[in-house]
Each structure stands twice: as structure tokens, then as C-alpha cells.
Amino acid sequence: MTTGYFSSVDDVTERLAATGYLASPAVATTVFLADRLGKPLLVEGPAGVGKTELAKAVAEVAGARLVRLQCYEGVDESRALYEWNHAKQLLRITAGRDETWDETRTDIFSEEFLLPRPLLTAIRSAEPTVLLVDEMDKADIEVEGLLLEVLSDFQITVPELGTITATRRPFVVLTSNAGRELSEALRRRCLFLHIGFPEEELERRIVSSKVPGLGAALTASVVRVVGALRAMDLRKAPSVAETVDWARTLLALGADALDETVVRDSLGVILKHQDDIQKAAAKLDLDAV
């Protein structure tokens, strides 16, 4: 079962670009294959390189609803799959005191009392849907077990209601910052895509697209300096999102060139640790970049 959103790799590239997402050939090819084969897409890479934005862009071009499960330590079945509305169930039990338990139980474990969470919402959706399972590596490994049934058969079993199978398969994107190793069982069910820091030419195009008023020369300087910072041994290398933020900062400051004063005063936009800022201030040679 395919989702059928894209007709070719070029179609992916062109339509994502129309949303402002400039995809590399590897990204466009993998998105096309995930769509054509009906396979979940596992996107791994450092924070801020466009993993989450890729899912949003696919949803936008497909005219699909975006359903997002934001993972974190402690997320469980009730947050990922579904839970029962216990307060409403209690009211129903109280109102039906004269009924037998079998009569009451049949009623309170029905659709009226079910609270679907992101995974069940995406599986039951009859409209085009993109399911984003964001930062999978932050969730406990038990959550991966919950996903296996969803990603294998696109179905979820609710003991009180039975098995709910997707009538329209969602386009699934899982993202990971590689904070921990994901299980092989999960990886087998997915196509894999690694998004790293882009090549200089692609990053210039991204910055020009997001901050068109900056000017070609300053855009090129920004990208070169960010590349030099990434080559340093920093705690947190600047991401593409931070490159764009820096470009917007320079535009807001009215800067027409990168000099030592401008760079020193705005390093906090792209570097988030004081020791990184100190190291960059000491080692960055603007003349060399």
C-alpha cells in the first residue's frame, strides 16, 4: 500500500522546494522511495539540519494532516497510543447504578470514552496523513515495542475494542539525533536517511531562500564562517537552523560585511556554550575564510 504523493524524484525536489525546503538528491530519492514503497522513513542526524522540517514539508505539499508524537524520557503507551477517559467513565458508572456490571462495562469501553493519542489518531485517519515520531532516541526503548505493530502492519490493538487497521496508510517519518542506538527491529521496518550538514553550495541556497534580503556576498561569508566553526572541536557545532538565525541577525543589524566586531557580538546566536564562544573567538581567522 503506497501513499502516492509523488510521481518521481524530481517531483519531490520541485514540490519540496516550493515550500522552502531545498532537498539534496539523497533526501529527495529516499522520500520518493518511502512514498512509493509505503515504508516508514527513519531520518537520523544532528539537531537543526531539517529532519522535522522535512516531515512538515511533505505534509504541506501532500495536503496532508500532520500528526506529531514528540518523544521524551518517560513517554508511555497512554501518551503514544490511547487512553480511556476515566473521569467520564466514572460519571457514566455513577449514572448507571441500577445496571449490571456487564451492561456498564460494554458502554464505558466504547468509542465515546476513548481518547486517541498520535499513533492511534494517524492509524484511524481517513484523510491523507503524515505521522511524525519526533526525536525517537529520547524515548525509552519500550516505546519502540509499541511502534513495531504500527510500523509492520499499520494497525493497533485495543483489547476492549479489537484491532484497528489503517484504511489509508500514513506517510511515517521518525527522527533521531542519535542520542542512543535504536533497535534493529525498528530499523528493519524503515528506510534510512542520514541528514548531515549540507555542502556549502546547498547551504548558501538554503540561506538565500530563507533570508533573501541578505545579499549573495554576505550569505557566502556566513556559510564559510559557519563551516569553519564546524571544523573546530566544539561542544555543539552550529546547525543549519542556526546559520539561518545568524543570517537573519546580521540582516536585522544592518551588517554589510563580516568583521571581527560583528562576529564577536553575535556569536551567541550560533554557539550555545560559553567555552565554544571563547574557543571560536580565539581561533576563528576571518581572513582565512
Foldseek 3Di string as FASTA:
>chain_A
DAQPQADDLVRQQVQLVVVLDHDDSQRSVQLVCCRVVVFAEEEEAAPFACQVVSLVSSCVSSVAAEQEAEAAEPDDCCQAFKDFQVVVLVVQCVVPVVDDPVVSVLPRPDPVGIGGHRLNCQQADPTAYEYEYEAVVRYDLVVLVQCLCCLPQVWDQDPSPGIRGHPRRYHYYYYHHCPDDHDPSSVVRHHYHYRYADDLVVLLVSLCSLPVVQDSVQSSLLSVQLVVLQPDPDPDRFHSNLSNQLSVVCVVVVDNHDDLVSCLVPVCSGDPDPVSSVVCNVPPDSVVD
